[in-house]
C-alpha atoms as a PDB file:
ATOM      1  CA  MET A   1      -2.460 -17.585 -10.393  1.00  0.00           C
ATOM      2  CA  SER A   2      -0.760 -18.258 -13.702  1.00  0.00           C
ATOM      3  CA  ASN A   3       2.932 -18.638 -13.860  1.00  0.00           C
ATOM      4  CA  SER A   4       3.612 -15.199 -15.109  1.00  0.00           C
ATOM      5  CA  ASP A   5       2.411 -13.913 -11.892  1.00  0.00           C
ATOM      6  CA  ILE A   6       5.127 -15.340  -9.848  1.00  0.00           C
ATOM      7  CA  THR A   7       6.961 -12.520 -10.074  1.00  0.00           C
ATOM      8  CA  PHE A   8       6.716  -8.755 -10.145  1.00  0.00           C
ATOM      9  CA  GLY A   9       9.191  -5.154 -10.390  1.00  0.00           C
ATOM     10  CA  PRO A  10      11.734  -4.741  -9.694  1.00  0.00           C
ATOM     11  CA  VAL A  11      10.045  -2.172  -7.138  1.00  0.00           C
ATOM     12  CA  PRO A  12      11.811   0.039  -5.274  1.00  0.00           C
ATOM     13  CA  SER A  13      11.902  -0.547  -1.536  1.00  0.00           C
ATOM     14  CA  ARG A  14      13.090   1.307   1.777  1.00  0.00           C
ATOM     15  CA  ARG A  15      14.937  -1.894   2.634  1.00  0.00           C
ATOM     16  CA  LEU A  16      15.886  -3.711  -0.302  1.00  0.00           C
ATOM     17  CA  GLY A  17      16.821  -0.925  -2.770  1.00  0.00           C
ATOM     18  CA  ARG A  18      15.492  -2.481  -6.435  1.00  0.00           C
ATOM     19  CA  SER A  19      13.370  -5.552  -5.484  1.00  0.00           C
ATOM     20  CA  LEU A  20      12.520  -8.439  -7.850  1.00  0.00           C
ATOM     21  CA  GLY A  21       9.113  -9.948  -6.589  1.00  0.00           C
ATOM     22  CA  VAL A  22       9.099 -13.854  -5.770  1.00  0.00           C
ATOM     23  CA  ASN A  23       4.863 -14.351  -5.565  1.00  0.00           C
ATOM     24  CA  ASN A  24       5.832 -18.113  -4.007  1.00  0.00           C
ATOM     25  CA  ILE A  25       1.573 -18.292  -2.594  1.00  0.00           C
ATOM     26  CA  PRO A  26      -1.512 -17.548  -4.274  1.00  0.00           C
ATOM     27  CA  PRO A  27      -3.824 -14.853  -2.712  1.00  0.00           C
ATOM     28  CA  LYS A  28      -5.106 -15.007  -0.303  1.00  0.00           C
ATOM     29  CA  ILE A  29      -3.635 -17.917   1.853  1.00  0.00           C
ATOM     30  CA  CYS A  30      -1.752 -17.142   5.511  1.00  0.00           C
ATOM     31  CA  SER A  31      -1.595 -17.652   8.579  1.00  0.00           C
ATOM     32  CA  TYR A  32      -2.454 -13.872   9.600  1.00  0.00           C
ATOM     33  CA  SER A  33      -5.184 -11.793   8.183  1.00  0.00           C
ATOM     34  CA  CYS A  34      -3.693  -8.478   9.443  1.00  0.00           C
ATOM     35  CA  ILE A  35      -6.165  -5.381   9.723  1.00  0.00           C
ATOM     36  CA  TYR A  36      -3.135  -3.229   8.261  1.00  0.00           C
ATOM     37  CA  CYS A  37      -2.862  -6.138   5.159  1.00  0.00           C
ATOM     38  CA  GLN A  38      -2.315  -4.330   1.701  1.00  0.00           C
ATOM     39  CA  VAL A  39      -3.610  -7.578   0.171  1.00  0.00           C
ATOM     40  CA  GLY A  40      -6.143  -7.235   2.084  1.00  0.00           C
ATOM     41  CA  ARG A  41      -7.973  -9.885   4.574  1.00  0.00           C
ATOM     42  CA  THR A  42      -7.251 -13.561   4.364  1.00  0.00           C
ATOM     43  CA  ASP A  43      -9.406 -15.813   2.643  1.00  0.00           C
ATOM     44  CA  ASP A  44      -7.737 -18.748   3.402  1.00  0.00           C
ATOM     45  CA  LEU A  45      -6.332 -19.097   7.014  1.00  0.00           C
ATOM     46  CA  ARG A  46      -4.186 -21.991   7.637  1.00  0.00           C
ATOM     47  CA  ILE A  47      -0.742 -22.920   9.412  1.00  0.00           C
ATOM     48  CA  ALA A  48      -0.055 -26.259   7.292  1.00  0.00           C
ATOM     49  CA  ARG A  49       2.616 -26.004   5.017  1.00  0.00           C
ATOM     50  CA  ARG A  50       2.508 -27.736   1.561  1.00  0.00           C
ATOM     51  CA  PRO A  51       3.907 -26.881  -1.752  1.00  0.00           C
ATOM     52  CA  PHE A  52       2.394 -24.475  -4.074  1.00  0.00           C
ATOM     53  CA  TYR A  53       4.635 -23.999  -7.279  1.00  0.00           C
ATOM     54  CA  ALA A  54       7.475 -26.402  -8.120  1.00  0.00           C
ATOM     55  CA  PRO A  55      10.970 -24.876  -7.527  1.00  0.00           C
ATOM     56  CA  GLU A  56      12.050 -25.265 -10.917  1.00  0.00           C
ATOM     57  CA  THR A  57       8.627 -22.885 -11.905  1.00  0.00           C
ATOM     58  CA  VAL A  58      10.055 -20.119  -9.710  1.00  0.00           C
ATOM     59  CA  LEU A  59      13.350 -20.287 -10.946  1.00  0.00           C
ATOM     60  CA  ARG A  60      11.871 -20.657 -14.816  1.00  0.00           C
ATOM     61  CA  GLU A  61      10.177 -17.119 -13.700  1.00  0.00           C
ATOM     62  CA  VAL A  62      12.639 -15.324 -12.046  1.00  0.00           C
ATOM     63  CA  GLU A  63      15.136 -16.644 -14.841  1.00  0.00           C
ATOM     64  CA  ASP A  64      13.080 -15.146 -17.811  1.00  0.00           C
ATOM     65  CA  ARG A  65      12.238 -12.060 -15.963  1.00  0.00           C
ATOM     66  CA  MET A  66      15.930 -11.671 -15.551  1.00  0.00           C
ATOM     67  CA  ARG A  67      17.142 -12.030 -18.538  1.00  0.00           C
ATOM     68  CA  ARG A  68      14.274  -9.369 -19.408  1.00  0.00           C
ATOM     69  CA  LEU A  69      15.646  -6.692 -17.205  1.00  0.00           C
ATOM     70  CA  VAL A  70      19.327  -7.217 -18.070  1.00  0.00           C
ATOM     71  CA  GLU A  71      18.445  -6.167 -22.133  1.00  0.00           C
ATOM     72  CA  SER A  72      16.594  -3.172 -21.141  1.00  0.00           C
ATOM     73  CA  GLY A  73      19.004  -2.056 -18.438  1.00  0.00           C
ATOM     74  CA  GLU A  74      17.873  -2.705 -15.144  1.00  0.00           C
ATOM     75  CA  ALA A  75      19.832  -3.968 -11.812  1.00  0.00           C
ATOM     76  CA  VAL A  76      18.024  -5.968  -9.201  1.00  0.00           C
ATOM     77  CA  ASP A  77      19.846  -6.042  -5.547  1.00  0.00           C
ATOM     78  CA  TYR A  78      17.372  -8.735  -4.279  1.00  0.00           C
ATOM     79  CA  LEU A  79      15.552 -11.320  -4.952  1.00  0.00           C
ATOM     80  CA  ALA A  80      12.469 -11.329  -2.347  1.00  0.00           C
ATOM     81  CA  PHE A  81       9.405 -13.544  -1.436  1.00  0.00           C
ATOM     82  CA  VAL A  82       7.432 -10.834  -0.388  1.00  0.00           C
ATOM     83  CA  PRO A  83       3.845 -13.059  -1.703  1.00  0.00           C
ATOM     84  CA  ASP A  84      -0.393 -12.330  -1.322  1.00  0.00           C
ATOM     85  CA  GLY A  85       0.057 -14.624   1.902  1.00  0.00           C
ATOM     86  CA  GLU A  86       2.873 -15.957   4.418  1.00  0.00           C
ATOM     87  CA  PRO A  87       5.798 -17.538   2.197  1.00  0.00           C
ATOM     88  CA  THR A  88       6.767 -20.007   4.979  1.00  0.00           C
ATOM     89  CA  LEU A  89       3.714 -21.569   4.276  1.00  0.00           C
ATOM     90  CA  ASP A  90       5.629 -23.036   1.132  1.00  0.00           C
ATOM     91  CA  SER A  91       7.009 -26.370   1.677  1.00  0.00           C
ATOM     92  CA  ASN A  92       9.438 -25.595  -0.966  1.00  0.00           C
ATOM     93  CA  LEU A  93      10.623 -22.577  -0.016  1.00  0.00           C
ATOM     94  CA  GLY A  94      14.230 -23.608   0.937  1.00  0.00           C
ATOM     95  CA  ARG A  95      14.647 -25.393  -2.317  1.00  0.00           C
ATOM     96  CA  THR A  96      13.814 -22.616  -4.303  1.00  0.00           C
ATOM     97  CA  ILE A  97      16.270 -20.405  -2.801  1.00  0.00           C
ATOM     98  CA  ASP A  98      18.791 -22.820  -3.200  1.00  0.00           C
ATOM     99  CA  LEU A  99      17.844 -23.210  -6.455  1.00  0.00           C
ATOM    100  CA  LEU A 100      18.077 -19.392  -7.220  1.00  0.00           C
ATOM    101  CA  ARG A 101      21.378 -18.878  -5.340  1.00  0.00           C
ATOM    102  CA  PRO A 102      23.835 -19.207  -8.654  1.00  0.00           C
ATOM    103  CA  LEU A 103      21.834 -16.352 -10.549  1.00  0.00           C
ATOM    104  CA  GLY A 104      24.043 -14.115  -8.194  1.00  0.00           C
ATOM    105  CA  VAL A 105      21.286 -12.020  -6.782  1.00  0.00           C
ATOM    106  CA  LYS A 106      21.011 -11.893  -2.854  1.00  0.00           C
ATOM    107  CA  THR A 107      17.705 -13.369  -1.446  1.00  0.00           C
ATOM    108  CA  ALA A 108      15.530 -12.059   1.182  1.00  0.00           C
ATOM    109  CA  VAL A 109      12.342 -13.314   2.947  1.00  0.00           C
ATOM    110  CA  ILE A 110       9.562 -10.833   4.669  1.00  0.00           C
ATOM    111  CA  SER A 111       7.822 -13.550   7.197  1.00  0.00           C
ATOM    112  CA  ASN A 112       5.330 -12.618   9.858  1.00  0.00           C
ATOM    113  CA  SER A 113       6.966 -14.838  12.119  1.00  0.00           C
ATOM    114  CA  SER A 114       4.445 -17.068  12.571  1.00  0.00           C
ATOM    115  CA  LEU A 115       5.434 -20.105  11.884  1.00  0.00           C
ATOM    116  CA  LEU A 116       8.886 -20.057  12.884  1.00  0.00           C
ATOM    117  CA  TRP A 117       8.271 -22.896  15.764  1.00  0.00           C
ATOM    118  CA  MET A 118       8.925 -25.482  13.028  1.00  0.00           C
ATOM    119  CA  GLU A 119      11.830 -26.745  12.356  1.00  0.00           C
ATOM    120  CA  SER A 120      11.531 -26.843   9.142  1.00  0.00           C
ATOM    121  CA  VAL A 121      10.802 -23.393   8.498  1.00  0.00           C
ATOM    122  CA  ARG A 122      13.669 -21.904  10.288  1.00  0.00           C
ATOM    123  CA  SER A 123      15.731 -24.327   8.062  1.00  0.00           C
ATOM    124  CA  ASP A 124      14.113 -22.739   4.934  1.00  0.00           C
ATOM    125  CA  LEU A 125      14.715 -19.283   5.839  1.00  0.00           C
ATOM    126  CA  SER A 126      18.572 -20.131   7.235  1.00  0.00           C
ATOM    127  CA  ARG A 127      19.188 -20.153   3.251  1.00  0.00           C
ATOM    128  CA  ALA A 128      18.472 -16.926   2.872  1.00  0.00           C
ATOM    129  CA  ASP A 129      20.955 -14.084   2.586  1.00  0.00           C
ATOM    130  CA  TRP A 130      18.211 -11.654   4.604  1.00  0.00           C
ATOM    131  CA  VAL A 131      15.381 -12.569   6.304  1.00  0.00           C
ATOM    132  CA  SER A 132      12.745  -9.647   8.315  1.00  0.00           C
ATOM    133  CA  LEU A 133      10.429 -10.950  10.935  1.00  0.00           C
ATOM    134  CA  LYS A 134       7.440  -9.227  11.691  1.00  0.00           C
ATOM    135  CA  VAL A 135       6.832  -8.538  15.507  1.00  0.00           C
ATOM    136  CA  ASP A 136       3.758  -5.459  15.890  1.00  0.00           C
ATOM    137  CA  ALA A 137       3.040  -6.777  19.810  1.00  0.00           C
ATOM    138  CA  ALA A 138       4.991  -8.137  22.596  1.00  0.00           C
ATOM    139  CA  SER A 139       1.168  -8.934  24.259  1.00  0.00           C
ATOM    140  CA  ALA A 140      -1.272 -12.034  22.945  1.00  0.00           C
ATOM    141  CA  ASP A 141      -4.030  -9.516  23.110  1.00  0.00           C
ATOM    142  CA  VAL A 142      -2.882  -6.706  21.179  1.00  0.00           C
ATOM    143  CA  TRP A 143      -1.465  -9.494  19.293  1.00  0.00           C
ATOM    144  CA  ARG A 144      -4.530 -10.817  18.487  1.00  0.00           C
ATOM    145  CA  ARG A 145      -6.203  -7.692  17.566  1.00  0.00           C
ATOM    146  CA  VAL A 146      -3.542  -6.705  14.840  1.00  0.00           C
ATOM    147  CA  ASN A 147      -2.740  -9.788  13.542  1.00  0.00           C
ATOM    148  CA  ARG A 148      -5.842 -11.582  14.000  1.00  0.00           C
ATOM    149  CA  PRO A 149      -3.819 -15.066  13.782  1.00  0.00           C
ATOM    150  CA  HIS A 150      -5.027 -18.244  13.223  1.00  0.00           C
ATOM    151  CA  ARG A 151      -6.646 -19.934  16.230  1.00  0.00           C
ATOM    152  CA  GLY A 152      -3.509 -22.607  16.641  1.00  0.00           C
ATOM    153  CA  LEU A 153      -0.691 -20.146  16.720  1.00  0.00           C
ATOM    154  CA  LYS A 154       0.044 -18.921  20.327  1.00  0.00           C
ATOM    155  CA  LEU A 155       2.272 -15.962  21.036  1.00  0.00           C
ATOM    156  CA  PRO A 156       4.493 -17.398  23.409  1.00  0.00           C
ATOM    157  CA  VAL A 157       5.437 -20.127  21.584  1.00  0.00           C
ATOM    158  CA  ILE A 158       6.300 -17.931  18.485  1.00  0.00           C
ATOM    159  CA  LEU A 159       8.113 -15.411  20.606  1.00  0.00           C
ATOM    160  CA  GLU A 160      10.313 -18.482  21.972  1.00  0.00           C
ATOM    161  CA  ALA A 161      11.221 -19.731  18.326  1.00  0.00           C
ATOM    162  CA  LEU A 162      12.153 -16.245  17.475  1.00  0.00           C
ATOM    163  CA  PHE A 163      15.166 -15.944  19.751  1.00  0.00           C
ATOM    164  CA  ARG A 164      16.053 -19.645  18.891  1.00  0.00           C
ATOM    165  CA  PHE A 165      15.937 -18.690  15.180  1.00  0.00           C
ATOM    166  CA  ALA A 166      17.642 -15.073  15.819  1.00  0.00           C
ATOM    167  CA  GLY A 167      20.385 -17.191  17.771  1.00  0.00           C
ATOM    168  CA  GLU A 168      21.434 -19.648  14.766  1.00  0.00           C
ATOM    169  CA  TYR A 169      20.427 -17.276  12.075  1.00  0.00           C
ATOM    170  CA  LYS A 170      23.970 -16.185  10.092  1.00  0.00           C
ATOM    171  CA  GLY A 171      22.715 -13.781   7.840  1.00  0.00           C
ATOM    172  CA  VAL A 172      20.895 -10.264   8.511  1.00  0.00           C
ATOM    173  CA  LEU A 173      18.247 -10.424  10.619  1.00  0.00           C
ATOM    174  CA  VAL A 174      15.628  -7.506  10.971  1.00  0.00           C
ATOM    175  CA  THR A 175      12.581  -7.108  12.500  1.00  0.00           C
ATOM    176  CA  GLU A 176       9.498  -4.757  11.526  1.00  0.00           C
ATOM    177  CA  THR A 177       6.679  -3.671  13.013  1.00  0.00           C
ATOM    178  CA  MET A 178       3.711  -1.956  11.691  1.00  0.00           C
ATOM    179  CA  LEU A 179       1.841   0.761  14.063  1.00  0.00           C
ATOM    180  CA  VAL A 180      -1.749   1.155  13.853  1.00  0.00           C
ATOM    181  CA  ARG A 181      -3.349   4.113  15.509  1.00  0.00           C
ATOM    182  CA  GLY A 182      -5.402   3.288  18.618  1.00  0.00           C
ATOM    183  CA  VAL A 183      -4.345  -0.362  18.718  1.00  0.00           C
ATOM    184  CA  ASN A 184      -1.048  -1.235  19.489  1.00  0.00           C
ATOM    185  CA  ASP A 185       0.611   2.397  19.585  1.00  0.00           C
ATOM    186  CA  SER A 186       0.376   3.474  23.203  1.00  0.00           C
ATOM    187  CA  PRO A 187       3.404   4.417  25.267  1.00  0.00           C
ATOM    188  CA  GLU A 188       3.115   1.053  27.191  1.00  0.00           C
ATOM    189  CA  GLN A 189       2.531  -1.407  24.275  1.00  0.00           C
ATOM    190  CA  VAL A 190       5.503   0.535  22.231  1.00  0.00           C
ATOM    191  CA  GLU A 191       8.213   0.002  25.346  1.00  0.00           C
ATOM    192  CA  GLU A 192       7.413  -3.118  25.462  1.00  0.00           C
ATOM    193  CA  THR A 193       7.540  -4.200  21.742  1.00  0.00           C
ATOM    194  CA  ALA A 194      11.247  -2.224  21.881  1.00  0.00           C
ATOM    195  CA  ARG A 195      12.417  -4.449  25.230  1.00  0.00           C
ATOM    196  CA  LEU A 196      11.377  -7.368  23.156  1.00  0.00           C
ATOM    197  CA  LEU A 197      13.105  -6.605  19.978  1.00  0.00           C
ATOM    198  CA  ALA A 198      16.280  -5.454  22.192  1.00  0.00           C
ATOM    199  CA  ARG A 199      16.705  -9.122  23.103  1.00  0.00           C
ATOM    200  CA  LEU A 200      16.521 -10.196  19.777  1.00  0.00           C
ATOM    201  CA  ARG A 201      19.195  -7.908  18.584  1.00  0.00           C
ATOM    202  CA  PRO A 202      18.352  -7.720  15.079  1.00  0.00           C
ATOM    203  CA  ALA A 203      20.659  -5.710  12.644  1.00  0.00           C
ATOM    204  CA  ARG A 204      17.853  -2.969  12.187  1.00  0.00           C
ATOM    205  CA  ALA A 205      14.543  -2.558  13.572  1.00  0.00           C
ATOM    206  CA  TYR A 206      11.873  -0.760  11.268  1.00  0.00           C
ATOM    207  CA  LEU A 207       8.922   1.157  12.295  1.00  0.00           C
ATOM    208  CA  SER A 208       6.406   1.290   9.714  1.00  0.00           C
ATOM    209  CA  ILE A 209       2.610   2.502   9.455  1.00  0.00           C
ATOM    210  CA  PRO A 210       0.016   1.433   6.837  1.00  0.00           C
ATOM    211  CA  MET A 211       1.154   3.340   3.548  1.00  0.00           C
ATOM    212  CA  ARG A 212      -1.069   1.462   1.634  1.00  0.00           C
ATOM    213  CA  PRO A 213      -4.962   0.822   1.551  1.00  0.00           C
ATOM    214  CA  PRO A 214      -5.500  -1.949   4.463  1.00  0.00           C
ATOM    215  CA  ALA A 215      -7.827  -4.790   4.779  1.00  0.00           C
ATOM    216  CA  GLU A 216      -9.877  -2.614   7.274  1.00  0.00           C
ATOM    217  CA  GLY A 217     -10.088   0.635   6.649  1.00  0.00           C
ATOM    218  CA  TRP A 218      -9.678   2.103  10.450  1.00  0.00           C
ATOM    219  CA  ALA A 219      -6.196   1.067  10.286  1.00  0.00           C
ATOM    220  CA  VAL A 220      -4.609   4.188   9.956  1.00  0.00           C
ATOM    221  CA  PRO A 221      -1.352   5.554  10.821  1.00  0.00           C
ATOM    222  CA  PRO A 222      -0.667   6.871  14.316  1.00  0.00           C
ATOM    223  CA  ALA A 223      -0.282  10.775  14.781  1.00  0.00           C
ATOM    224  CA  ALA A 224       2.968  12.398  14.218  1.00  0.00           C
ATOM    225  CA  ASP A 225       3.733  12.819  17.784  1.00  0.00           C
ATOM    226  CA  VAL A 226       2.813   9.840  18.746  1.00  0.00           C
ATOM    227  CA  LEU A 227       5.215   8.212  15.894  1.00  0.00           C
ATOM    228  CA  THR A 228       8.288  10.356  17.151  1.00  0.00           C
ATOM    229  CA  MET A 229       7.843   9.032  20.622  1.00  0.00           C
ATOM    230  CA  ALA A 230       8.068   5.390  19.043  1.00  0.00           C
ATOM    231  CA  ARG A 231      10.865   6.050  17.169  1.00  0.00           C
ATOM    232  CA  GLN A 232      12.610   7.404  20.399  1.00  0.00           C
ATOM    233  CA  ALA A 233      11.155   4.420  23.205  1.00  0.00           C
ATOM    234  CA  PHE A 234      13.204   1.975  20.000  1.00  0.00           C
ATOM    235  CA  SER A 235      15.934   4.320  19.783  1.00  0.00           C
ATOM    236  CA  ARG A 236      16.881   3.766  23.939  1.00  0.00           C
ATOM    237  CA  HIS A 237      16.755  -0.010  23.393  1.00  0.00           C
ATOM    238  CA  LEU A 238      17.929  -0.840  19.937  1.00  0.00           C
ATOM    239  CA  ASP A 239      21.317   0.101  18.083  1.00  0.00           C
ATOM    240  CA  GLU A 240      20.080   0.734  14.704  1.00  0.00           C
ATOM    241  CA  VAL A 241      16.139   1.930  13.749  1.00  0.00           C
ATOM    242  CA  ALA A 242      14.501   2.903  11.272  1.00  0.00           C
ATOM    243  CA  SER A 243      11.116   4.440  10.205  1.00  0.00           C
ATOM    244  CA  LEU A 244       9.764   3.658   6.942  1.00  0.00           C
ATOM    245  CA  PHE A 245       7.390   6.456   7.294  1.00  0.00           C
ATOM    246  CA  ASP A 246       7.804   8.294   3.857  1.00  0.00           C
ATOM    247  CA  TYR A 247       6.779   7.161   0.515  1.00  0.00           C
ATOM    248  CA  GLU A 248       9.227   4.755  -1.312  1.00  0.00           C
ATOM    249  CA  GLY A 249       8.829   6.671  -4.958  1.00  0.00           C
ATOM    250  CA  ASP A 250       7.792   5.678  -8.047  1.00  0.00           C
ATOM    251  CA  ALA A 251      10.448   3.947  -9.445  1.00  0.00           C
ATOM    252  CA  PHE A 252       8.600   0.704 -10.821  1.00  0.00           C
ATOM    253  CA  SER A 253      10.367  -0.950 -13.439  1.00  0.00           C
ATOM    254  CA  PHE A 254       8.900  -1.971 -16.762  1.00  0.00           C
ATOM    255  CA  THR A 255      10.179  -5.429 -18.571  1.00  0.00           C
ATOM    256  CA  GLY A 256       8.383  -5.441 -22.261  1.00  0.00           C
ATOM    257  CA  ASP A 257       4.362  -5.944 -21.464  1.00  0.00           C
ATOM    258  CA  ALA A 258       3.068  -2.919 -19.536  1.00  0.00           C
ATOM    259  CA  GLY A 259      -0.596  -4.551 -18.673  1.00  0.00           C
ATOM    260  CA  GLU A 260       0.979  -7.681 -17.123  1.00  0.00           C
ATOM    261  CA  ASP A 261       3.857  -5.871 -15.483  1.00  0.00           C
ATOM    262  CA  LEU A 262       1.750  -3.462 -13.888  1.00  0.00           C
ATOM    263  CA  LEU A 263      -0.800  -6.087 -12.795  1.00  0.00           C
ATOM    264  CA  ASN A 264       2.138  -8.654 -11.625  1.00  0.00           C
ATOM    265  CA  ILE A 265       3.001  -4.884  -9.374  1.00  0.00           C
ATOM    266  CA  ILE A 266      -0.453  -3.910  -7.984  1.00  0.00           C
ATOM    267  CA  ALA A 267      -1.104  -8.155  -6.958  1.00  0.00           C
ATOM    268  CA  VAL A 268       1.438  -7.270  -3.937  1.00  0.00           C
ATOM    269  CA  HIS A 269       2.444  -4.126  -4.221  1.00  0.00           C
ATOM    270  CA  PRO A 270      -0.701  -1.272  -4.582  1.00  0.00           C
ATOM    271  CA  MET A 271       0.686   1.765  -6.713  1.00  0.00           C
ATOM    272  CA  ARG A 272      -0.032   5.531  -5.947  1.00  0.00           C
ATOM    273  CA  GLU A 273      -1.898   7.268  -9.305  1.00  0.00           C
ATOM    274  CA  GLU A 274       1.532   9.296  -9.635  1.00  0.00           C
ATOM    275  CA  ALA A 275       3.385   6.018  -9.853  1.00  0.00           C
ATOM    276  CA  VAL A 276       0.625   4.758 -12.215  1.00  0.00           C
ATOM    277  CA  ARG A 277       1.192   7.313 -14.663  1.00  0.00           C
ATOM    278  CA  ARG A 278       4.983   7.132 -14.312  1.00  0.00           C
ATOM    279  CA  PHE A 279       5.073   3.857 -14.968  1.00  0.00           C
ATOM    280  CA  LEU A 280       3.010   3.992 -18.122  1.00  0.00           C
ATOM    281  CA  GLU A 281       5.224   6.968 -19.395  1.00  0.00           C
ATOM    282  CA  LYS A 282       8.222   4.811 -19.194  1.00  0.00           C
ATOM    283  CA  ALA A 283       6.364   2.029 -20.851  1.00  0.00           C
ATOM    284  CA  GLY A 284       5.206   4.002 -23.930  1.00  0.00           C
ATOM    285  CA  ALA A 285       1.898   3.444 -22.815  1.00  0.00           C
ATOM    286  CA  ASP A 286      -1.592   5.820 -22.429  1.00  0.00           C
ATOM    287  CA  TRP A 287      -4.400   5.892 -19.772  1.00  0.00           C
ATOM    288  CA  SER A 288      -6.631   4.230 -21.997  1.00  0.00           C
ATOM    289  CA  LEU A 289      -4.702   0.873 -20.706  1.00  0.00           C
ATOM    290  CA  ILE A 290      -5.817   1.890 -17.093  1.00  0.00           C
ATOM    291  CA  ASP A 291      -9.594   2.002 -18.026  1.00  0.00           C
ATOM    292  CA  ASP A 292      -9.841  -0.718 -20.467  1.00  0.00           C
ATOM    293  CA  LEU A 293      -8.118  -2.513 -17.254  1.00  0.00           C
ATOM    294  CA  VAL A 294     -10.615  -1.292 -14.696  1.00  0.00           C
ATOM    295  CA  SER A 295     -13.635  -1.875 -16.879  1.00  0.00           C
ATOM    296  CA  ARG A 296     -12.690  -5.861 -17.241  1.00  0.00           C
ATOM    297  CA  GLY A 297     -12.463  -5.710 -13.605  1.00  0.00           C
ATOM    298  CA  HIS A 298      -8.447  -6.571 -13.358  1.00  0.00           C
ATOM    299  CA  ILE A 299      -8.085  -3.093 -11.407  1.00  0.00           C
ATOM    300  CA  ARG A 300      -9.992  -1.051  -8.663  1.00  0.00           C
ATOM    301  CA  THR A 301      -8.945   1.731  -6.797  1.00  0.00           C
ATOM    302  CA  ALA A 302      -9.008   3.126  -3.167  1.00  0.00           C
ATOM    303  CA  VAL A 303      -8.204   6.281  -1.288  1.00  0.00           C
ATOM    304  CA  HIS A 304      -6.327   5.729   1.649  1.00  0.00           C
ATOM    305  CA  GLU A 305      -4.514   9.124   3.434  1.00  0.00           C
ATOM    306  CA  GLY A 306      -5.995  11.545   0.540  1.00  0.00           C
ATOM    307  CA  GLN A 307      -3.968   9.330  -1.941  1.00  0.00           C
ATOM    308  CA  ARG A 308      -5.516   7.463  -5.197  1.00  0.00           C
ATOM    309  CA  PHE A 309      -4.097   3.937  -5.110  1.00  0.00           C
ATOM    310  CA  TYR A 310      -4.372   1.144  -7.945  1.00  0.00           C
ATOM    311  CA  LEU A 311      -4.992  -2.443  -6.593  1.00  0.00           C
ATOM    312  CA  ARG A 312      -5.689  -5.707  -8.028  1.00  0.00           C
ATOM    313  CA  GLY A 313      -9.127  -6.437  -9.016  1.00  0.00           C
ATOM    314  CA  VAL A 314     -11.432  -8.950  -7.132  1.00  0.00           C
ATOM    315  CA  GLU A 315     -10.889 -11.097 -10.213  1.00  0.00           C
ATOM    316  CA  LYS A 316      -7.248 -11.679  -8.343  1.00  0.00           C
ATOM    317  CA  ARG A 317      -8.918 -14.005  -6.069  1.00  0.00           C
ATOM    318  CA  SER A 318     -10.589 -16.342  -8.465  1.00  0.00           C
END
């Protein structure tokens, strides 16, 4: 990944408003290989932390994009670490957050929770203003089916660390649970997860479904009545529940280079066809740009739930 791939957006976020993405992990390095991941299967499954990009390099890239956004009149609500892999694998995460703080924009980290048993990870996350922790299942067998974790991970250890972090963290803590049909969406499984999350006392518990093409084609959203059941179960145990079941919109930002901006966004955030068309219109470009990027392998397409999506091509992983 080139340095210019470190930032993307801002993109419309149902949780964070206008979110400028910070992609601090190269594709696809993660501690999980979730069946629903919109970035695809994990190429490099690991749990050992290490540096990837110098914090000063990330700061420089964020400053440059922020400058271009200010010039084009674009607003940013959060600087969000939501990379191609698990952000806490980056041993420079805490230092990078510290360097970004003087920019005056709140920082957010969206984590899969798997490395919270490390004191260094909890310390790094404590520097962020807003942290989202993934909890897709409360039982080990379901957790293994949906998240496909690194063999060195144990769910009881992760859950113990979750409670420890929740008790220490001073910022806004939220959780996210992705529901997949036939995997973790039975009434018993949903109830068990809701009871677990209630003990964490998050500011808000998000329920989500696979909205974009998943790593496994069979990882599809539950039926509508199941989603209603899940929302009701969560609401019985948690004070604040939000459903991420609807499309977040097409308000993607253009900062000067349509091709570069588009590739950086879809590397992490696959876009529907109508969103691509609106982006091109905003950038003053036409569909020939997409035809060219597809022909060169930089972009690929996939159909999910009746919608055509545009994703970063296989060259992204070279």
